[in-house]
Amino acid sequence: MTTELEGKHQIGDVSLYTKTWKPSGPPKAKLVFIHGFNDHINRYYETFPTLASHGIETLAFDQRGWGRSVKSPSDKGKTGPTSLVISDIVSVIKTQLPSPVPLFLLGHSMGGGEVITLASDPLYSDLTPQIRGWMLESPFVDFTPESKPAALKVILGRLAGRLMPYRQMVNPIPPEHTTRDPEVIKSLYADKLIHDTGTLEGLAGMLDRTAAINTGKAKLNPGTKSIWLGHGTADQGTSYAASKQWFEEQTGVQDKEFKTYEGWAHQLHADTPETRLVYMKDITDWILARVEDESNVKPVEAKL
């Protein structure tokens, strides 16, 4: 039986909403989850309870500007600069360290881009070896060709982000572009925590992170152990081709898997009732295989 525990993570004067899905017995592994743009952690259906049912404990949190971490209208989309976004993630991860079981990190969409950014940040290179696996669901490595903004618009947006960082801008994402499930589409339209709002600073930071990833400026820290990346070929939110190219360029990581989901949309965890079962099994099996690898490593006996 899975136990769900709501809580909060305090960073200065900001309180971030958290939720933990615990297995019935001692965990075999732990997972920290990072959600996407215009998203919150209670939209992942059976993903986290399924992981917990297999002994994988999950901790997730609503990032600044999103979900239940928004306390007033002015908070909507107010993520802060990339340095703050990444330090928030690190702050949450450190609540799980040292971990008696292997620790994994999974990010969806914008959150996937943030996971890559963290794995590439020299400031946190000491954290890299402590993460057993870096997992990416439809990561924001680049826009799709159809959704890519004009270069001039991007330049002006970055400039405006410096001049008016907290200026809010509504940036709606059509639910029909994220999933093939009509019921999920209805729920996205009805969800009061989906506010379609970003700040110019936050949007500019997301663009900068994405540019650093897809141009190769962001390079994974030494000691990155394992990567799993899953992406649907019919994704209208982030680029399948860019994800595959980035993955193939990570030649320094020996243990890596790229999973193609033919015809699937952006939210692998909420695409259709049938396909999301496949996704959940894939990530569960990948984590547990590495837990088994860890347990099969025999300690080296000290020689006197």
C-alpha atoms as a PDB file:
ATOM      1  CA  MET A   1       0.000   0.000   0.000  1.00  0.00           C
ATOM      2  CA  THR A   2       1.318   3.439  -0.964  1.00  0.00           C
ATOM      3  CA  THR A   3       1.383   6.263   1.569  1.00  0.00           C
ATOM      4  CA  GLU A   4       1.118   9.848   0.312  1.00  0.00           C
ATOM      5  CA  LEU A   5       2.496  12.613   2.500  1.00  0.00           C
ATOM      6  CA  GLU A   6       2.056  16.316   1.765  1.00  0.00           C
ATOM      7  CA  GLY A   7       4.542  18.792   3.173  1.00  0.00           C
ATOM      8  CA  LYS A   8       6.536  21.925   2.499  1.00  0.00           C
ATOM      9  CA  HIS A   9      10.132  22.789   1.823  1.00  0.00           C
ATOM     10  CA  GLN A  10      11.208  26.144   3.157  1.00  0.00           C
ATOM     11  CA  ILE A  11      13.833  28.186   1.291  1.00  0.00           C
ATOM     12  CA  GLY A  12      14.229  31.593   2.891  1.00  0.00           C
ATOM     13  CA  ASP A  13      10.778  33.175   2.972  1.00  0.00           C
ATOM     14  CA  VAL A  14       9.439  30.901   0.218  1.00  0.00           C
ATOM     15  CA  SER A  15       7.513  27.738   1.033  1.00  0.00           C
ATOM     16  CA  LEU A  16       7.396  25.085  -1.701  1.00  0.00           C
ATOM     17  CA  TYR A  17       4.628  22.499  -1.698  1.00  0.00           C
ATOM     18  CA  THR A  18       5.948  18.922  -1.567  1.00  0.00           C
ATOM     19  CA  LYS A  19       4.501  15.459  -1.772  1.00  0.00           C
ATOM     20  CA  THR A  20       6.081  12.090  -1.088  1.00  0.00           C
ATOM     21  CA  TRP A  21       4.835   8.711  -2.270  1.00  0.00           C
ATOM     22  CA  LYS A  22       6.187   6.029   0.075  1.00  0.00           C
ATOM     23  CA  PRO A  23       6.148   2.254  -0.456  1.00  0.00           C
ATOM     24  CA  SER A  24       4.727  -0.052   2.208  1.00  0.00           C
ATOM     25  CA  GLY A  25       8.154  -1.354   3.178  1.00  0.00           C
ATOM     26  CA  PRO A  26      11.691   0.018   3.169  1.00  0.00           C
ATOM     27  CA  PRO A  27      12.427   1.690  -0.201  1.00  0.00           C
ATOM     28  CA  LYS A  28      14.680  -0.009  -2.738  1.00  0.00           C
ATOM     29  CA  ALA A  29      15.409   3.357  -4.389  1.00  0.00           C
ATOM     30  CA  LYS A  30      14.472   7.016  -4.140  1.00  0.00           C
ATOM     31  CA  LEU A  31      13.443   9.406  -6.898  1.00  0.00           C
ATOM     32  CA  VAL A  32      13.278  13.206  -6.895  1.00  0.00           C
ATOM     33  CA  PHE A  33      10.912  14.487  -9.569  1.00  0.00           C
ATOM     34  CA  ILE A  34      10.974  17.873 -11.394  1.00  0.00           C
ATOM     35  CA  HIS A  35       7.773  18.924 -13.190  1.00  0.00           C
ATOM     36  CA  GLY A  36       7.353  20.885 -16.405  1.00  0.00           C
ATOM     37  CA  PHE A  37       6.200  24.356 -17.494  1.00  0.00           C
ATOM     38  CA  ASN A  38       2.596  25.275 -16.622  1.00  0.00           C
ATOM     39  CA  ASP A  39       2.382  22.136 -14.525  1.00  0.00           C
ATOM     40  CA  HIS A  40       2.217  20.791 -10.985  1.00  0.00           C
ATOM     41  CA  ILE A  41       3.034  17.521  -9.251  1.00  0.00           C
ATOM     42  CA  ASN A  42      -0.520  16.259  -8.765  1.00  0.00           C
ATOM     43  CA  ARG A  43      -0.986  15.873 -12.536  1.00  0.00           C
ATOM     44  CA  TYR A  44       1.082  12.715 -12.966  1.00  0.00           C
ATOM     45  CA  TYR A  45      -1.750  10.226 -12.517  1.00  0.00           C
ATOM     46  CA  GLU A  46      -0.554   6.772 -11.408  1.00  0.00           C
ATOM     47  CA  THR A  47       3.142   7.342 -12.092  1.00  0.00           C
ATOM     48  CA  PHE A  48       4.325   7.899  -8.530  1.00  0.00           C
ATOM     49  CA  PRO A  49       1.970   5.386  -6.828  1.00  0.00           C
ATOM     50  CA  THR A  50       3.114   2.796  -9.387  1.00  0.00           C
ATOM     51  CA  LEU A  51       6.758   3.480  -8.604  1.00  0.00           C
ATOM     52  CA  ALA A  52       5.994   3.232  -4.881  1.00  0.00           C
ATOM     53  CA  SER A  53       4.227  -0.102  -5.390  1.00  0.00           C
ATOM     54  CA  HIS A  54       7.566  -1.422  -6.701  1.00  0.00           C
ATOM     55  CA  GLY A  55       9.553  -0.067  -3.775  1.00  0.00           C
ATOM     56  CA  ILE A  56      10.621   3.275  -5.307  1.00  0.00           C
ATOM     57  CA  GLU A  57       9.938   6.251  -3.054  1.00  0.00           C
ATOM     58  CA  THR A  58       9.246   9.533  -4.893  1.00  0.00           C
ATOM     59  CA  LEU A  59       9.608  13.091  -3.629  1.00  0.00           C
ATOM     60  CA  ALA A  60       8.212  15.860  -5.843  1.00  0.00           C
ATOM     61  CA  PHE A  61       7.602  19.570  -5.369  1.00  0.00           C
ATOM     62  CA  ASP A  62       5.783  22.424  -7.069  1.00  0.00           C
ATOM     63  CA  GLN A  63       8.483  24.810  -8.246  1.00  0.00           C
ATOM     64  CA  ARG A  64       8.380  28.538  -7.544  1.00  0.00           C
ATOM     65  CA  GLY A  65       5.639  30.103  -9.613  1.00  0.00           C
ATOM     66  CA  TRP A  66       3.675  26.894 -10.115  1.00  0.00           C
ATOM     67  CA  GLY A  67       0.947  24.809  -8.516  1.00  0.00           C
ATOM     68  CA  ARG A  68       0.417  25.011  -4.789  1.00  0.00           C
ATOM     69  CA  SER A  69       3.651  26.936  -4.279  1.00  0.00           C
ATOM     70  CA  VAL A  70       1.834  30.002  -5.679  1.00  0.00           C
ATOM     71  CA  LYS A  71       0.479  32.026  -2.760  1.00  0.00           C
ATOM     72  CA  SER A  72      -0.675  35.176  -4.605  1.00  0.00           C
ATOM     73  CA  PRO A  73      -1.373  36.206  -8.232  1.00  0.00           C
ATOM     74  CA  SER A  74       1.997  37.989  -8.408  1.00  0.00           C
ATOM     75  CA  ASP A  75       3.729  34.627  -7.728  1.00  0.00           C
ATOM     76  CA  LYS A  76       2.458  33.044 -10.955  1.00  0.00           C
ATOM     77  CA  GLY A  77       5.391  32.073 -13.139  1.00  0.00           C
ATOM     78  CA  LYS A  78       7.846  33.895 -10.849  1.00  0.00           C
ATOM     79  CA  THR A  79      10.563  31.255 -10.942  1.00  0.00           C
ATOM     80  CA  GLY A  80      13.538  33.579 -10.632  1.00  0.00           C
ATOM     81  CA  PRO A  81      16.740  33.247 -12.683  1.00  0.00           C
ATOM     82  CA  THR A  82      18.264  29.894 -13.626  1.00  0.00           C
ATOM     83  CA  SER A  83      20.686  30.050 -10.694  1.00  0.00           C
ATOM     84  CA  LEU A  84      17.711  30.140  -8.303  1.00  0.00           C
ATOM     85  CA  VAL A  85      15.770  27.455 -10.191  1.00  0.00           C
ATOM     86  CA  ILE A  86      18.713  25.057  -9.968  1.00  0.00           C
ATOM     87  CA  SER A  87      19.577  25.907  -6.354  1.00  0.00           C
ATOM     88  CA  ASP A  88      15.944  25.158  -5.381  1.00  0.00           C
ATOM     89  CA  ILE A  89      16.230  21.712  -6.980  1.00  0.00           C
ATOM     90  CA  VAL A  90      19.545  21.080  -5.231  1.00  0.00           C
ATOM     91  CA  SER A  91      18.055  22.185  -1.915  1.00  0.00           C
ATOM     92  CA  VAL A  92      15.313  19.556  -2.256  1.00  0.00           C
ATOM     93  CA  ILE A  93      17.753  16.846  -3.392  1.00  0.00           C
ATOM     94  CA  LYS A  94      19.970  17.473  -0.377  1.00  0.00           C
ATOM     95  CA  THR A  95      17.092  16.581   1.953  1.00  0.00           C
ATOM     96  CA  GLN A  96      17.534  13.029   0.609  1.00  0.00           C
ATOM     97  CA  LEU A  97      21.301  12.861   1.072  1.00  0.00           C
ATOM     98  CA  PRO A  98      23.102  10.873   2.172  1.00  0.00           C
ATOM     99  CA  SER A  99      20.747   8.189   0.848  1.00  0.00           C
ATOM    100  CA  PRO A 100      20.953   4.577   2.044  1.00  0.00           C
ATOM    101  CA  VAL A 101      19.518   3.470  -1.321  1.00  0.00           C
ATOM    102  CA  PRO A 102      20.294   4.604  -4.897  1.00  0.00           C
ATOM    103  CA  LEU A 103      18.936   8.060  -5.700  1.00  0.00           C
ATOM    104  CA  PHE A 104      17.507   8.980  -9.107  1.00  0.00           C
ATOM    105  CA  LEU A 105      16.380  12.273 -10.643  1.00  0.00           C
ATOM    106  CA  LEU A 106      13.571  12.544 -13.228  1.00  0.00           C
ATOM    107  CA  GLY A 107      12.441  15.688 -15.057  1.00  0.00           C
ATOM    108  CA  HIS A 108       9.589  16.253 -17.486  1.00  0.00           C
ATOM    109  CA  SER A 109       9.751  18.832 -20.321  1.00  0.00           C
ATOM    110  CA  MET A 110      11.030  22.100 -18.781  1.00  0.00           C
ATOM    111  CA  GLY A 111      11.980  19.993 -15.764  1.00  0.00           C
ATOM    112  CA  GLY A 112      13.987  17.710 -18.041  1.00  0.00           C
ATOM    113  CA  GLY A 113      15.936  20.708 -19.297  1.00  0.00           C
ATOM    114  CA  GLU A 114      16.541  21.707 -15.686  1.00  0.00           C
ATOM    115  CA  VAL A 115      17.833  18.223 -14.877  1.00  0.00           C
ATOM    116  CA  ILE A 116      20.322  18.449 -17.774  1.00  0.00           C
ATOM    117  CA  THR A 117      21.318  21.948 -16.629  1.00  0.00           C
ATOM    118  CA  LEU A 118      21.988  20.704 -13.107  1.00  0.00           C
ATOM    119  CA  ALA A 119      23.963  17.710 -14.391  1.00  0.00           C
ATOM    120  CA  SER A 120      26.093  20.165 -16.418  1.00  0.00           C
ATOM    121  CA  ASP A 121      26.643  22.823 -13.755  1.00  0.00           C
ATOM    122  CA  PRO A 122      30.244  22.779 -12.428  1.00  0.00           C
ATOM    123  CA  LEU A 123      29.000  24.451  -9.246  1.00  0.00           C
ATOM    124  CA  TYR A 124      27.281  21.170  -8.334  1.00  0.00           C
ATOM    125  CA  SER A 125      29.833  18.704  -9.687  1.00  0.00           C
ATOM    126  CA  ASP A 126      30.177  17.203  -6.197  1.00  0.00           C
ATOM    127  CA  LEU A 127      26.496  16.220  -6.368  1.00  0.00           C
ATOM    128  CA  THR A 128      26.822  14.393  -9.699  1.00  0.00           C
ATOM    129  CA  PRO A 129      28.307  11.096  -8.390  1.00  0.00           C
ATOM    130  CA  GLN A 130      25.570  10.898  -5.753  1.00  0.00           C
ATOM    131  CA  ILE A 131      22.836  10.603  -8.394  1.00  0.00           C
ATOM    132  CA  ARG A 132      22.586   7.010  -9.653  1.00  0.00           C
ATOM    133  CA  GLY A 133      20.541   7.899 -12.719  1.00  0.00           C
ATOM    134  CA  TRP A 134      19.419  11.021 -14.591  1.00  0.00           C
ATOM    135  CA  MET A 135      16.034  10.500 -16.255  1.00  0.00           C
ATOM    136  CA  LEU A 136      14.396  12.722 -18.861  1.00  0.00           C
ATOM    137  CA  GLU A 137      10.790  12.580 -20.062  1.00  0.00           C
ATOM    138  CA  SER A 138      10.226  14.636 -23.247  1.00  0.00           C
ATOM    139  CA  PRO A 139      12.938  17.097 -22.132  1.00  0.00           C
ATOM    140  CA  PHE A 140      12.996  20.669 -23.412  1.00  0.00           C
ATOM    141  CA  VAL A 141      16.181  20.415 -25.451  1.00  0.00           C
ATOM    142  CA  ASP A 142      14.652  22.511 -28.238  1.00  0.00           C
ATOM    143  CA  PHE A 143      11.355  23.660 -29.696  1.00  0.00           C
ATOM    144  CA  THR A 144       9.634  21.681 -32.419  1.00  0.00           C
ATOM    145  CA  PRO A 145      10.133  23.292 -35.852  1.00  0.00           C
ATOM    146  CA  GLU A 146       6.477  24.409 -35.837  1.00  0.00           C
ATOM    147  CA  SER A 147       6.672  26.111 -32.440  1.00  0.00           C
ATOM    148  CA  LYS A 148      10.144  27.660 -32.693  1.00  0.00           C
ATOM    149  CA  PRO A 149       9.931  31.450 -32.135  1.00  0.00           C
ATOM    150  CA  ALA A 150      11.608  33.872 -34.528  1.00  0.00           C
ATOM    151  CA  ALA A 151      15.188  34.844 -33.629  1.00  0.00           C
ATOM    152  CA  LEU A 152      14.262  38.529 -33.258  1.00  0.00           C
ATOM    153  CA  LYS A 153      11.449  37.657 -30.860  1.00  0.00           C
ATOM    154  CA  VAL A 154      13.870  35.623 -28.722  1.00  0.00           C
ATOM    155  CA  ILE A 155      16.423  38.478 -28.638  1.00  0.00           C
ATOM    156  CA  LEU A 156      13.783  41.031 -27.683  1.00  0.00           C
ATOM    157  CA  GLY A 157      12.361  38.649 -25.076  1.00  0.00           C
ATOM    158  CA  ARG A 158      15.748  38.193 -23.410  1.00  0.00           C
ATOM    159  CA  LEU A 159      16.295  41.971 -23.374  1.00  0.00           C
ATOM    160  CA  ALA A 160      12.848  42.583 -21.892  1.00  0.00           C
ATOM    161  CA  GLY A 161      13.573  39.924 -19.267  1.00  0.00           C
ATOM    162  CA  ARG A 162      16.530  41.954 -18.047  1.00  0.00           C
ATOM    163  CA  LEU A 163      14.630  45.244 -18.024  1.00  0.00           C
ATOM    164  CA  MET A 164      11.323  43.993 -16.577  1.00  0.00           C
ATOM    165  CA  PRO A 165      12.097  40.645 -14.916  1.00  0.00           C
ATOM    166  CA  TYR A 166       8.818  40.263 -13.022  1.00  0.00           C
ATOM    167  CA  ARG A 167       6.527  41.326 -15.847  1.00  0.00           C
ATOM    168  CA  GLN A 168       4.043  38.508 -16.347  1.00  0.00           C
ATOM    169  CA  MET A 169       3.102  37.178 -19.770  1.00  0.00           C
ATOM    170  CA  VAL A 170       0.379  34.668 -20.532  1.00  0.00           C
ATOM    171  CA  ASN A 171       1.772  31.906 -22.726  1.00  0.00           C
ATOM    172  CA  PRO A 172      -0.991  29.308 -23.205  1.00  0.00           C
ATOM    173  CA  ILE A 173      -0.101  25.805 -24.328  1.00  0.00           C
ATOM    174  CA  PRO A 174      -3.032  24.075 -26.073  1.00  0.00           C
ATOM    175  CA  PRO A 175      -3.852  20.927 -24.076  1.00  0.00           C
ATOM    176  CA  GLU A 176      -4.478  19.169 -27.398  1.00  0.00           C
ATOM    177  CA  HIS A 177      -0.742  19.522 -28.083  1.00  0.00           C
ATOM    178  CA  THR A 178       0.252  17.634 -24.948  1.00  0.00           C
ATOM    179  CA  THR A 179      -1.831  14.439 -24.906  1.00  0.00           C
ATOM    180  CA  ARG A 180      -4.099  12.249 -27.043  1.00  0.00           C
ATOM    181  CA  ASP A 181      -6.454  11.479 -24.149  1.00  0.00           C
ATOM    182  CA  PRO A 182      -9.716  13.518 -24.348  1.00  0.00           C
ATOM    183  CA  GLU A 183     -10.265  13.171 -20.600  1.00  0.00           C
ATOM    184  CA  VAL A 184      -6.815  14.546 -19.804  1.00  0.00           C
ATOM    185  CA  ILE A 185      -7.452  17.439 -22.203  1.00  0.00           C
ATOM    186  CA  LYS A 186     -10.697  18.262 -20.359  1.00  0.00           C
ATOM    187  CA  SER A 187      -8.912  18.118 -17.007  1.00  0.00           C
ATOM    188  CA  LEU A 188      -6.195  20.499 -18.227  1.00  0.00           C
ATOM    189  CA  TYR A 189      -8.797  23.065 -19.242  1.00  0.00           C
ATOM    190  CA  ALA A 190     -10.560  22.685 -15.882  1.00  0.00           C
ATOM    191  CA  ASP A 191      -7.456  22.717 -13.637  1.00  0.00           C
ATOM    192  CA  LYS A 192      -7.375  25.993 -11.672  1.00  0.00           C
ATOM    193  CA  LEU A 193      -3.664  25.530 -10.923  1.00  0.00           C
ATOM    194  CA  ILE A 194      -2.796  25.667 -14.640  1.00  0.00           C
ATOM    195  CA  HIS A 195      -2.359  29.413 -15.127  1.00  0.00           C
ATOM    196  CA  ASP A 196      -0.428  29.712 -18.430  1.00  0.00           C
ATOM    197  CA  THR A 197       1.651  32.539 -16.969  1.00  0.00           C
ATOM    198  CA  GLY A 198       5.389  33.116 -16.952  1.00  0.00           C
ATOM    199  CA  THR A 199       7.526  36.085 -16.019  1.00  0.00           C
ATOM    200  CA  LEU A 200       9.866  37.589 -18.597  1.00  0.00           C
ATOM    201  CA  GLU A 201      12.826  36.632 -16.402  1.00  0.00           C
ATOM    202  CA  GLY A 202      11.636  33.046 -16.051  1.00  0.00           C
ATOM    203  CA  LEU A 203      10.854  32.639 -19.749  1.00  0.00           C
ATOM    204  CA  ALA A 204      14.207  34.163 -20.750  1.00  0.00           C
ATOM    205  CA  GLY A 205      15.998  31.812 -18.352  1.00  0.00           C
ATOM    206  CA  MET A 206      14.233  28.807 -19.862  1.00  0.00           C
ATOM    207  CA  LEU A 207      15.266  29.932 -23.365  1.00  0.00           C
ATOM    208  CA  ASP A 208      18.864  30.398 -22.235  1.00  0.00           C
ATOM    209  CA  ARG A 209      18.980  26.931 -20.638  1.00  0.00           C
ATOM    210  CA  THR A 210      17.572  25.354 -23.770  1.00  0.00           C
ATOM    211  CA  ALA A 211      20.049  27.186 -26.015  1.00  0.00           C
ATOM    212  CA  ALA A 212      22.961  26.068 -23.832  1.00  0.00           C
ATOM    213  CA  ILE A 213      21.798  22.450 -24.092  1.00  0.00           C
ATOM    214  CA  ASN A 214      21.105  22.238 -27.821  1.00  0.00           C
ATOM    215  CA  THR A 215      24.274  24.125 -28.826  1.00  0.00           C
ATOM    216  CA  GLY A 216      26.488  21.914 -26.661  1.00  0.00           C
ATOM    217  CA  LYS A 217      27.540  24.743 -24.363  1.00  0.00           C
ATOM    218  CA  ALA A 218      26.167  22.814 -21.385  1.00  0.00           C
ATOM    219  CA  LYS A 219      28.364  19.737 -20.926  1.00  0.00           C
ATOM    220  CA  LEU A 220      27.623  16.961 -18.463  1.00  0.00           C
ATOM    221  CA  ASN A 221      29.814  16.900 -15.386  1.00  0.00           C
ATOM    222  CA  PRO A 222      32.342  14.065 -15.047  1.00  0.00           C
ATOM    223  CA  GLY A 223      30.894  11.239 -13.001  1.00  0.00           C
ATOM    224  CA  THR A 224      27.464  11.228 -14.663  1.00  0.00           C
ATOM    225  CA  LYS A 225      26.631   7.545 -14.267  1.00  0.00           C
ATOM    226  CA  SER A 226      23.472   6.753 -16.212  1.00  0.00           C
ATOM    227  CA  ILE A 227      20.950   8.476 -18.485  1.00  0.00           C
ATOM    228  CA  TRP A 228      17.460   7.429 -19.541  1.00  0.00           C
ATOM    229  CA  LEU A 229      15.604   9.556 -22.092  1.00  0.00           C
ATOM    230  CA  GLY A 230      12.092   8.885 -23.374  1.00  0.00           C
ATOM    231  CA  HIS A 231      10.423  10.936 -26.103  1.00  0.00           C
ATOM    232  CA  GLY A 232       7.360  10.569 -28.322  1.00  0.00           C
ATOM    233  CA  THR A 233       7.687  11.047 -32.073  1.00  0.00           C
ATOM    234  CA  ALA A 234       4.402  13.017 -32.230  1.00  0.00           C
ATOM    235  CA  ASP A 235       5.438  15.475 -29.488  1.00  0.00           C
ATOM    236  CA  GLN A 236       4.172  18.981 -30.339  1.00  0.00           C
ATOM    237  CA  GLY A 237       5.745  20.618 -27.292  1.00  0.00           C
ATOM    238  CA  THR A 238       9.429  19.696 -27.422  1.00  0.00           C
ATOM    239  CA  SER A 239      11.605  18.323 -30.203  1.00  0.00           C
ATOM    240  CA  TYR A 240      12.054  14.559 -30.475  1.00  0.00           C
ATOM    241  CA  ALA A 241      14.855  15.042 -33.026  1.00  0.00           C
ATOM    242  CA  ALA A 242      16.761  17.470 -30.782  1.00  0.00           C
ATOM    243  CA  SER A 243      16.469  15.079 -27.819  1.00  0.00           C
ATOM    244  CA  LYS A 244      17.838  12.209 -29.886  1.00  0.00           C
ATOM    245  CA  GLN A 245      20.723  14.306 -31.193  1.00  0.00           C
ATOM    246  CA  TRP A 246      21.643  15.524 -27.700  1.00  0.00           C
ATOM    247  CA  PHE A 247      21.501  11.956 -26.384  1.00  0.00           C
ATOM    248  CA  GLU A 248      23.767  10.645 -29.142  1.00  0.00           C
ATOM    249  CA  GLU A 249      26.326  13.349 -28.365  1.00  0.00           C
ATOM    250  CA  GLN A 250      26.714  12.159 -24.749  1.00  0.00           C
ATOM    251  CA  THR A 251      29.525   9.780 -25.643  1.00  0.00           C
ATOM    252  CA  GLY A 252      31.131  10.064 -22.209  1.00  0.00           C
ATOM    253  CA  VAL A 253      28.254   8.208 -20.513  1.00  0.00           C
ATOM    254  CA  GLN A 254      28.475   4.448 -20.970  1.00  0.00           C
ATOM    255  CA  ASP A 255      25.150   3.476 -19.381  1.00  0.00           C
ATOM    256  CA  LYS A 256      22.408   5.229 -21.313  1.00  0.00           C
ATOM    257  CA  GLU A 257      19.119   4.373 -22.992  1.00  0.00           C
ATOM    258  CA  PHE A 258      17.030   6.327 -25.487  1.00  0.00           C
ATOM    259  CA  LYS A 259      13.426   5.154 -25.679  1.00  0.00           C
ATOM    260  CA  THR A 260      11.373   6.112 -28.744  1.00  0.00           C
ATOM    261  CA  TYR A 261       7.608   6.158 -28.258  1.00  0.00           C
ATOM    262  CA  GLU A 262       6.236   5.994 -31.780  1.00  0.00           C
ATOM    263  CA  GLY A 263       3.236   8.290 -32.288  1.00  0.00           C
ATOM    264  CA  TRP A 264       3.041   9.363 -28.639  1.00  0.00           C
ATOM    265  CA  ALA A 265       2.395  12.955 -27.561  1.00  0.00           C
ATOM    266  CA  HIS A 266       4.281  15.192 -25.117  1.00  0.00           C
ATOM    267  CA  GLN A 267       3.032  13.890 -21.762  1.00  0.00           C
ATOM    268  CA  LEU A 268       4.156  10.282 -21.781  1.00  0.00           C
ATOM    269  CA  HIS A 269       2.744   9.904 -18.269  1.00  0.00           C
ATOM    270  CA  ALA A 270      -0.717  11.062 -19.419  1.00  0.00           C
ATOM    271  CA  ASP A 271      -0.946  10.285 -23.123  1.00  0.00           C
ATOM    272  CA  THR A 272      -3.569   7.525 -23.171  1.00  0.00           C
ATOM    273  CA  PRO A 273      -4.656   5.110 -20.409  1.00  0.00           C
ATOM    274  CA  GLU A 274      -2.980   2.220 -22.262  1.00  0.00           C
ATOM    275  CA  THR A 275       0.291   3.877 -23.232  1.00  0.00           C
ATOM    276  CA  ARG A 276       1.007   5.424 -19.865  1.00  0.00           C
ATOM    277  CA  LEU A 277       1.095   1.932 -18.373  1.00  0.00           C
ATOM    278  CA  VAL A 278       3.920   1.148 -20.794  1.00  0.00           C
ATOM    279  CA  TYR A 279       5.790   4.326 -19.787  1.00  0.00           C
ATOM    280  CA  MET A 280       5.447   3.566 -16.086  1.00  0.00           C
ATOM    281  CA  LYS A 281       6.761   0.037 -16.588  1.00  0.00           C
ATOM    282  CA  ASP A 282       9.711   1.331 -18.604  1.00  0.00           C
ATOM    283  CA  ILE A 283      10.915   3.799 -15.976  1.00  0.00           C
ATOM    284  CA  THR A 284      10.255   1.368 -13.132  1.00  0.00           C
ATOM    285  CA  ASP A 285      12.225  -1.419 -14.812  1.00  0.00           C
ATOM    286  CA  TRP A 286      15.107   0.934 -15.666  1.00  0.00           C
ATOM    287  CA  ILE A 287      15.440   2.118 -12.064  1.00  0.00           C
ATOM    288  CA  LEU A 288      15.167  -1.359 -10.547  1.00  0.00           C
ATOM    289  CA  ALA A 289      17.759  -2.774 -12.952  1.00  0.00           C
ATOM    290  CA  ARG A 290      20.286  -0.262 -11.626  1.00  0.00           C
ATOM    291  CA  VAL A 291      19.291  -0.945  -8.038  1.00  0.00           C
ATOM    292  CA  GLU A 292      20.013  -4.623  -8.708  1.00  0.00           C
ATOM    293  CA  ASP A 293      23.363  -3.710 -10.268  1.00  0.00           C
ATOM    294  CA  GLU A 294      24.262  -1.771  -7.118  1.00  0.00           C
ATOM    295  CA  SER A 295      23.314  -4.677  -4.852  1.00  0.00           C
ATOM    296  CA  ASN A 296      25.413  -7.098  -6.922  1.00  0.00           C
ATOM    297  CA  VAL A 297      28.566  -5.065  -6.457  1.00  0.00           C
ATOM    298  CA  LYS A 298      30.669  -6.952  -3.930  1.00  0.00           C
ATOM    299  CA  PRO A 299      32.576  -4.855  -1.422  1.00  0.00           C
ATOM    300  CA  VAL A 300      36.331  -5.004  -1.735  1.00  0.00           C
ATOM    301  CA  GLU A 301      37.899  -6.676   1.281  1.00  0.00           C
ATOM    302  CA  ALA A 302      40.619  -4.685   2.933  1.00  0.00           C
ATOM    303  CA  LYS A 303      44.008  -6.404   2.930  1.00  0.00           C
ATOM    304  CA  LEU A 304      46.131  -5.996   6.013  1.00  0.00           C
END
